[in-house]
């Protein structure tokens, strides 16, 4: 019985560690994506008018995109 309880605790501990590691990994991935999005939007706001025209955006459209909050992303980005 001791071996069974000991084994059960080890398996449970491993599952909890894996779950916590998975949650931490998911959180870190979300933080990296948020930082990348913030950088992209900031860069978009800094583009000159000629570059914006090349990609088919107006200054107002670029500034509106840059002003969006981090959680406001296209639905295709969400899981």
PDB file of N, CA and C in Angstrom:
ATOM      1  N   UNK A   1       0.819  -1.189   0.000  1.00  0.00           N
ATOM      2  CA  UNK A   1       0.000   0.000   0.000  1.00  0.00           C
ATOM      3  C   UNK A   1       0.862   1.252   0.000  1.00  0.00           C
ATOM      4  N   UNK A   2       1.980   1.217   0.710  1.00  0.00           N
ATOM      5  CA  UNK A   2       2.864   2.388   0.749  1.00  0.00           C
ATOM      6  C   UNK A   2       3.336   2.759  -0.648  1.00  0.00           C
ATOM      7  N   UNK A   3       3.734   1.749  -1.425  1.00  0.00           N
ATOM      8  CA  UNK A   3       4.221   2.016  -2.779  1.00  0.00           C
ATOM      9  C   UNK A   3       3.116   2.628  -3.629  1.00  0.00           C
ATOM     10  N   UNK A   4       1.899   2.160  -3.487  1.00  0.00           N
ATOM     11  CA  UNK A   4       0.786   2.684  -4.271  1.00  0.00           C
ATOM     12  C   UNK A   4       0.496   4.137  -3.909  1.00  0.00           C
ATOM     13  N   UNK A   5       0.469   4.447  -2.626  1.00  0.00           N
ATOM     14  CA  UNK A   5       0.231   5.826  -2.209  1.00  0.00           C
ATOM     15  C   UNK A   5       1.376   6.735  -2.642  1.00  0.00           C
ATOM     16  N   UNK A   6       2.601   6.248  -2.485  1.00  0.00           N
ATOM     17  CA  UNK A   6       3.767   7.023  -2.879  1.00  0.00           C
ATOM     18  C   UNK A   6       3.736   7.305  -4.383  1.00  0.00           C
ATOM     19  N   UNK A   7       3.432   6.285  -5.160  1.00  0.00           N
ATOM     20  CA  UNK A   7       3.354   6.435  -6.616  1.00  0.00           C
ATOM     21  C   UNK A   7       2.229   7.390  -6.989  1.00  0.00           C
ATOM     22  N   UNK A   8       1.087   7.266  -6.331  1.00  0.00           N
ATOM     23  CA  UNK A   8      -0.049   8.143  -6.618  1.00  0.00           C
ATOM     24  C   UNK A   8       0.315   9.599  -6.336  1.00  0.00           C
ATOM     25  N   UNK A   9       1.014   9.850  -5.249  1.00  0.00           N
ATOM     26  CA  UNK A   9       1.431  11.222  -4.921  1.00  0.00           C
ATOM     27  C   UNK A   9       2.422  11.750  -5.948  1.00  0.00           C
ATOM     28  N   UNK A  10       3.335  10.917  -6.393  1.00  0.00           N
ATOM     29  CA  UNK A  10       4.320  11.353  -7.388  1.00  0.00           C
ATOM     30  C   UNK A  10       3.641  11.693  -8.703  1.00  0.00           C
ATOM     31  N   UNK A  11       2.692  10.873  -9.135  1.00  0.00           N
ATOM     32  CA  UNK A  11       1.966  11.131 -10.371  1.00  0.00           C
ATOM     33  C   UNK A  11       1.157  12.414 -10.235  1.00  0.00           C
ATOM     34  N   UNK A  12       0.464  12.580  -9.112  1.00  0.00           N
ATOM     35  CA  UNK A  12      -0.326  13.783  -8.875  1.00  0.00           C
ATOM     36  C   UNK A  12       0.565  15.016  -8.859  1.00  0.00           C
ATOM     37  N   UNK A  13       1.702  14.940  -8.178  1.00  0.00           N
ATOM     38  CA  UNK A  13       2.635  16.068  -8.144  1.00  0.00           C
ATOM     39  C   UNK A  13       3.124  16.405  -9.542  1.00  0.00           C
ATOM     40  N   UNK A  14       3.420  15.394 -10.356  1.00  0.00           N
ATOM     41  CA  UNK A  14       3.905  15.624 -11.712  1.00  0.00           C
ATOM     42  C   UNK A  14       2.824  16.295 -12.554  1.00  0.00           C
ATOM     43  N   UNK A  15       1.581  15.841 -12.407  1.00  0.00           N
ATOM     44  CA  UNK A  15       0.475  16.445 -13.154  1.00  0.00           C
ATOM     45  C   UNK A  15       0.282  17.906 -12.752  1.00  0.00           C
ATOM     46  N   UNK A  16       0.362  18.195 -11.457  1.00  0.00           N
ATOM     47  CA  UNK A  16       0.215  19.570 -10.997  1.00  0.00           C
ATOM     48  C   UNK A  16       1.349  20.429 -11.521  1.00  0.00           C
ATOM     49  N   UNK A  17       2.571  19.918 -11.513  1.00  0.00           N
ATOM     50  CA  UNK A  17       3.714  20.656 -12.025  1.00  0.00           C
ATOM     51  C   UNK A  17       3.554  20.913 -13.513  1.00  0.00           C
ATOM     52  N   UNK A  18       3.118  19.890 -14.248  1.00  0.00           N
ATOM     53  CA  UNK A  18       2.905  20.038 -15.681  1.00  0.00           C
ATOM     54  C   UNK A  18       1.829  21.078 -15.952  1.00  0.00           C
ATOM     55  N   UNK A  19       0.755  21.042 -15.175  1.00  0.00           N
ATOM     56  CA  UNK A  19      -0.326  22.004 -15.346  1.00  0.00           C
ATOM     57  C   UNK A  19       0.172  23.417 -15.071  1.00  0.00           C
ATOM     58  N   UNK A  20       0.923  23.592 -13.989  1.00  0.00           N
ATOM     59  CA  UNK A  20       1.458  24.913 -13.666  1.00  0.00           C
ATOM     60  C   UNK A  20       2.454  25.368 -14.731  1.00  0.00           C
ATOM     61  N   UNK A  21       3.285  24.457 -15.208  1.00  0.00           N
ATOM     62  CA  UNK A  21       4.253  24.799 -16.251  1.00  0.00           C
ATOM     63  C   UNK A  21       3.524  25.169 -17.528  1.00  0.00           C
ATOM     64  N   UNK A  22       2.460  24.438 -17.844  1.00  0.00           N
ATOM     65  CA  UNK A  22       1.675  24.755 -19.035  1.00  0.00           C
ATOM     66  C   UNK A  22       1.003  26.108 -18.926  1.00  0.00           C
ATOM     67  N   UNK A  23       0.480  26.402 -17.757  1.00  0.00           N
ATOM     68  CA  UNK A  23      -0.162  27.701 -17.540  1.00  0.00           C
ATOM     69  C   UNK A  23       0.863  28.820 -17.630  1.00  0.00           C
ATOM     70  N   UNK A  24       2.026  28.598 -17.051  1.00  0.00           N
ATOM     71  CA  UNK A  24       3.085  29.611 -17.099  1.00  0.00           C
ATOM     72  C   UNK A  24       3.562  29.809 -18.535  1.00  0.00           C
ATOM     73  N   UNK A  25       3.705  28.726 -19.271  1.00  0.00           N
ATOM     74  CA  UNK A  25       4.114  28.821 -20.666  1.00  0.00           C
ATOM     75  C   UNK A  25       3.093  29.588 -21.493  1.00  0.00           C
ATOM     76  N   UNK A  26       1.811  29.316 -21.247  1.00  0.00           N
ATOM     77  CA  UNK A  26       0.736  30.019 -21.965  1.00  0.00           C
ATOM     78  C   UNK A  26       0.754  31.508 -21.612  1.00  0.00           C
ATOM     79  N   UNK A  27       0.952  31.826 -20.343  1.00  0.00           N
ATOM     80  CA  UNK A  27       1.025  33.218 -19.919  1.00  0.00           C
ATOM     81  C   UNK A  27       2.214  33.919 -20.575  1.00  0.00           C
ATOM     82  N   UNK A  28       3.358  33.259 -20.604  1.00  0.00           N
ATOM     83  CA  UNK A  28       4.543  33.859 -21.219  1.00  0.00           C
ATOM     84  C   UNK A  28       4.324  34.078 -22.709  1.00  0.00           C
ATOM     85  N   UNK A  29       3.674  33.145 -23.382  1.00  0.00           N
ATOM     86  CA  UNK A  29       3.381  33.289 -24.804  1.00  0.00           C
ATOM     87  C   UNK A  29       2.460  34.487 -25.027  1.00  0.00           C
ATOM     88  N   UNK A  30       1.447  34.632 -24.183  1.00  0.00           N
ATOM     89  CA  UNK A  30       0.541  35.773 -24.301  1.00  0.00           C
ATOM     90  C   UNK A  30       1.267  37.093 -24.076  1.00  0.00           C
ATOM     91  N   UNK A  31       2.179  37.122 -23.124  1.00  0.00           N
ATOM     92  CA  UNK A  31       2.940  38.347 -22.863  1.00  0.00           C
ATOM     93  C   UNK A  31       3.846  38.699 -24.041  1.00  0.00           C
ATOM     94  N   UNK A  32       4.475  37.675 -24.638  1.00  0.00           N
ATOM     95  CA  UNK A  32       5.319  37.929 -25.815  1.00  0.00           C
ATOM     96  C   UNK A  32       4.482  38.451 -26.982  1.00  0.00           C
ATOM     97  N   UNK A  33       3.309  37.873 -27.185  1.00  0.00           N
ATOM     98  CA  UNK A  33       2.435  38.325 -28.261  1.00  0.00           C
ATOM     99  C   UNK A  33       1.955  39.753 -28.016  1.00  0.00           C
ATOM    100  N   UNK A  34       1.628  40.072 -26.775  1.00  0.00           N
ATOM    101  CA  UNK A  34       1.186  41.425 -26.440  1.00  0.00           C
ATOM    102  C   UNK A  34       2.308  42.429 -26.670  1.00  0.00           C
ATOM    103  N   UNK A  35       3.525  42.074 -26.295  1.00  0.00           N
ATOM    104  CA  UNK A  35       4.666  42.965 -26.512  1.00  0.00           C
ATOM    105  C   UNK A  35       4.918  43.167 -28.002  1.00  0.00           C
ATOM    106  N   UNK A  36       4.814  42.104 -28.785  1.00  0.00           N
ATOM    107  CA  UNK A  36       5.015  42.212 -30.232  1.00  0.00           C
ATOM    108  C   UNK A  36       3.926  43.085 -30.855  1.00  0.00           C
ATOM    109  N   UNK A  37       2.696  42.903 -30.420  1.00  0.00           N
ATOM    110  CA  UNK A  37       1.589  43.709 -30.939  1.00  0.00           C
ATOM    111  C   UNK A  37       1.781  45.181 -30.589  1.00  0.00           C
ATOM    112  N   UNK A  38       2.174  45.438 -29.360  1.00  0.00           N
ATOM    113  CA  UNK A  38       2.424  46.829 -28.939  1.00  0.00           C
ATOM    114  C   UNK A  38       3.513  47.450 -29.803  1.00  0.00           C
ATOM    115  N   UNK A  39       4.579  46.713 -30.062  1.00  0.00           N
ATOM    116  CA  UNK A  39       5.682  47.205 -30.890  1.00  0.00           C
ATOM    117  C   UNK A  39       5.206  47.469 -32.324  1.00  0.00           C
ATOM    118  N   UNK A  40       4.434  46.552 -32.887  1.00  0.00           N
ATOM    119  CA  UNK A  40       3.944  46.720 -34.252  1.00  0.00           C
ATOM    120  C   UNK A  40       3.052  47.950 -34.378  1.00  0.00           C
ATOM    121  N   UNK A  41       2.164  48.124 -33.418  1.00  0.00           N
ATOM    122  CA  UNK A  41       1.267  49.282 -33.475  1.00  0.00           C
ATOM    123  C   UNK A  41       2.030  50.583 -33.285  1.00  0.00           C
ATOM    124  N   UNK A  42       3.018  50.582 -32.424  1.00  0.00           N
ATOM    125  CA  UNK A  42       3.845  51.775 -32.222  1.00  0.00           C
ATOM    126  C   UNK A  42       4.611  52.093 -33.500  1.00  0.00           C
ATOM    127  N   UNK A  43       5.172  51.077 -34.125  1.00  0.00           N
ATOM    128  CA  UNK A  43       5.919  51.266 -35.373  1.00  0.00           C
ATOM    129  C   UNK A  43       5.003  51.797 -36.472  1.00  0.00           C
ATOM    130  N   UNK A  44       3.792  51.273 -36.547  1.00  0.00           N
ATOM    131  CA  UNK A  44       2.826  51.737 -37.538  1.00  0.00           C
ATOM    132  C   UNK A  44       2.531  53.224 -37.355  1.00  0.00           C
ATOM    133  N   UNK A  45       2.382  53.651 -36.120  1.00  0.00           N
ATOM    134  CA  UNK A  45       2.099  55.062 -35.843  1.00  0.00           C
ATOM    135  C   UNK A  45       3.262  55.964 -36.223  1.00  0.00           C
ATOM    136  N   UNK A  46       4.468  55.421 -36.248  1.00  0.00           N
ATOM    137  CA  UNK A  46       5.663  56.209 -36.551  1.00  0.00           C
ATOM    138  C   UNK A  46       5.981  56.293 -38.048  1.00  0.00           C
ATOM    139  N   UNK A  47       5.284  55.520 -38.879  1.00  0.00           N
ATOM    140  CA  UNK A  47       5.573  55.538 -40.316  1.00  0.00           C
ATOM    141  C   UNK A  47       5.231  56.893 -40.918  1.00  0.00           C
ATOM    142  N   UNK A  48       6.017  57.280 -41.936  1.00  0.00           N
ATOM    143  CA  UNK A  48       5.719  58.554 -42.611  1.00  0.00           C
ATOM    144  C   UNK A  48       4.557  58.363 -43.586  1.00  0.00           C
ATOM    145  N   UNK A  49       4.015  59.485 -44.065  1.00  0.00           N
ATOM    146  CA  UNK A  49       2.835  59.446 -44.930  1.00  0.00           C
ATOM    147  C   UNK A  49       3.086  58.678 -46.233  1.00  0.00           C
ATOM    148  N   UNK A  50       4.275  58.801 -46.792  1.00  0.00           N
ATOM    149  CA  UNK A  50       4.582  58.095 -48.045  1.00  0.00           C
ATOM    150  C   UNK A  50       4.570  56.582 -47.832  1.00  0.00           C
ATOM    151  N   UNK A  51       5.130  56.128 -46.743  1.00  0.00           N
ATOM    152  CA  UNK A  51       5.136  54.694 -46.454  1.00  0.00           C
ATOM    153  C   UNK A  51       3.723  54.199 -46.181  1.00  0.00           C
ATOM    154  N   UNK A  52       2.952  54.970 -45.437  1.00  0.00           N
ATOM    155  CA  UNK A  52       1.564  54.594 -45.187  1.00  0.00           C
ATOM    156  C   UNK A  52       0.781  54.495 -46.497  1.00  0.00           C
ATOM    157  N   UNK A  53       1.016  55.444 -47.404  1.00  0.00           N
ATOM    158  CA  UNK A  53       0.348  55.406 -48.711  1.00  0.00           C
ATOM    159  C   UNK A  53       0.751  54.151 -49.480  1.00  0.00           C
ATOM    160  N   UNK A  54       2.000  53.751 -49.359  1.00  0.00           N
ATOM    161  CA  UNK A  54       2.472  52.532 -50.038  1.00  0.00           C
ATOM    162  C   UNK A  54       1.729  51.283 -49.563  1.00  0.00           C
ATOM    163  N   UNK A  55       1.359  51.246 -48.293  1.00  0.00           N
ATOM    164  CA  UNK A  55       0.653  50.074 -47.770  1.00  0.00           C
ATOM    165  C   UNK A  55      -0.867  50.290 -47.752  1.00  0.00           C
ATOM    166  N   UNK A  56      -1.309  51.409 -48.300  1.00  0.00           N
ATOM    167  CA  UNK A  56      -2.742  51.654 -48.461  1.00  0.00           C
ATOM    168  C   UNK A  56      -3.462  52.147 -47.234  1.00  0.00           C
ATOM    169  N   UNK A  57      -2.749  52.828 -46.346  1.00  0.00           N
ATOM    170  CA  UNK A  57      -3.372  53.367 -45.143  1.00  0.00           C
ATOM    171  C   UNK A  57      -3.233  54.880 -45.091  1.00  0.00           C
ATOM    172  N   UNK A  58      -4.193  55.518 -44.455  1.00  0.00           N
ATOM    173  CA  UNK A  58      -4.076  56.951 -44.200  1.00  0.00           C
ATOM    174  C   UNK A  58      -3.456  57.136 -42.816  1.00  0.00           C
ATOM    175  N   UNK A  59      -3.044  58.338 -42.537  1.00  0.00           N
ATOM    176  CA  UNK A  59      -2.488  58.649 -41.214  1.00  0.00           C
ATOM    177  C   UNK A  59      -3.543  58.372 -40.136  1.00  0.00           C
ATOM    178  N   UNK A  60      -4.786  58.766 -40.393  1.00  0.00           N
ATOM    179  CA  UNK A  60      -5.857  58.542 -39.410  1.00  0.00           C
ATOM    180  C   UNK A  60      -6.088  57.049 -39.147  1.00  0.00           C
ATOM    181  N   UNK A  61      -6.050  56.240 -40.192  1.00  0.00           N
ATOM    182  CA  UNK A  61      -6.222  54.792 -40.013  1.00  0.00           C
ATOM    183  C   UNK A  61      -5.074  54.202 -39.187  1.00  0.00           C
ATOM    184  N   UNK A  62      -3.863  54.645 -39.465  1.00  0.00           N
ATOM    185  CA  UNK A  62      -2.694  54.142 -38.727  1.00  0.00           C
ATOM    186  C   UNK A  62      -2.776  54.534 -37.259  1.00  0.00           C
ATOM    187  N   UNK A  63      -3.165  55.760 -36.994  1.00  0.00           N
ATOM    188  CA  UNK A  63      -3.263  56.219 -35.606  1.00  0.00           C
ATOM    189  C   UNK A  63      -4.411  55.516 -34.878  1.00  0.00           C
ATOM    190  N   UNK A  64      -5.502  55.262 -35.591  1.00  0.00           N
ATOM    191  CA  UNK A  64      -6.618  54.537 -34.978  1.00  0.00           C
ATOM    192  C   UNK A  64      -6.198  53.110 -34.611  1.00  0.00           C
ATOM    193  N   UNK A  65      -5.451  52.465 -35.495  1.00  0.00           N
ATOM    194  CA  UNK A  65      -4.959  51.110 -35.200  1.00  0.00           C
ATOM    195  C   UNK A  65      -3.994  51.135 -34.022  1.00  0.00           C
ATOM    196  N   UNK A  66      -3.116  52.109 -34.004  1.00  0.00           N
ATOM    197  CA  UNK A  66      -2.120  52.203 -32.927  1.00  0.00           C
ATOM    198  C   UNK A  66      -2.769  52.492 -31.574  1.00  0.00           C
ATOM    199  N   UNK A  67      -3.933  53.129 -31.583  1.00  0.00           N
ATOM    200  CA  UNK A  67      -4.608  53.492 -30.331  1.00  0.00           C
ATOM    201  C   UNK A  67      -5.441  52.353 -29.747  1.00  0.00           C
ATOM    202  N   UNK A  68      -5.608  51.266 -30.492  1.00  0.00           N
ATOM    203  CA  UNK A  68      -6.409  50.157 -29.996  1.00  0.00           C
ATOM    204  C   UNK A  68      -5.742  49.513 -28.780  1.00  0.00           C
ATOM    205  N   UNK A  69      -6.538  49.065 -27.804  1.00  0.00           N
ATOM    206  CA  UNK A  69      -5.954  48.406 -26.628  1.00  0.00           C
ATOM    207  C   UNK A  69      -5.368  47.040 -27.000  1.00  0.00           C
ATOM    208  N   UNK A  70      -4.483  46.533 -26.170  1.00  0.00           N
ATOM    209  CA  UNK A  70      -3.801  45.269 -26.440  1.00  0.00           C
ATOM    210  C   UNK A  70      -4.762  44.102 -26.603  1.00  0.00           C
ATOM    211  N   UNK A  71      -5.859  44.110 -25.878  1.00  0.00           N
ATOM    212  CA  UNK A  71      -6.784  42.979 -25.949  1.00  0.00           C
ATOM    213  C   UNK A  71      -7.697  43.052 -27.166  1.00  0.00           C
ATOM    214  N   UNK A  72      -7.645  44.154 -27.908  1.00  0.00           N
ATOM    215  CA  UNK A  72      -8.463  44.319 -29.103  1.00  0.00           C
ATOM    216  C   UNK A  72      -7.676  43.817 -30.312  1.00  0.00           C
ATOM    217  N   UNK A  73      -7.817  42.529 -30.578  1.00  0.00           N
ATOM    218  CA  UNK A  73      -7.108  41.888 -31.692  1.00  0.00           C
ATOM    219  C   UNK A  73      -8.126  41.181 -32.577  1.00  0.00           C
ATOM    220  N   UNK A  74      -7.766  40.884 -33.816  1.00  0.00           N
ATOM    221  CA  UNK A  74      -8.686  40.147 -34.683  1.00  0.00           C
ATOM    222  C   UNK A  74      -9.070  38.794 -34.079  1.00  0.00           C
ATOM    223  N   UNK A  75     -10.291  38.373 -34.352  1.00  0.00           N
ATOM    224  CA  UNK A  75     -10.784  37.108 -33.804  1.00  0.00           C
ATOM    225  C   UNK A  75      -9.927  35.928 -34.223  1.00  0.00           C
ATOM    226  N   UNK A  76      -9.294  36.016 -35.396  1.00  0.00           N
ATOM    227  CA  UNK A  76      -8.458  34.900 -35.858  1.00  0.00           C
ATOM    228  C   UNK A  76      -7.208  34.729 -35.010  1.00  0.00           C
ATOM    229  N   UNK A  77      -6.829  35.747 -34.228  1.00  0.00           N
ATOM    230  CA  UNK A  77      -5.655  35.656 -33.363  1.00  0.00           C
ATOM    231  C   UNK A  77      -5.980  34.950 -32.065  1.00  0.00           C
ATOM    232  N   UNK A  78      -7.241  34.923 -31.697  1.00  0.00           N
ATOM    233  CA  UNK A  78      -7.641  34.328 -30.416  1.00  0.00           C
ATOM    234  C   UNK A  78      -7.774  32.833 -30.577  1.00  0.00           C
ATOM    235  N   UNK A  79      -7.552  32.126 -29.498  1.00  0.00           N
ATOM    236  CA  UNK A  79      -7.678  30.656 -29.526  1.00  0.00           C
ATOM    237  C   UNK A  79      -8.968  30.229 -28.950  1.00  0.00           C
TER     238      UNK A  79
END
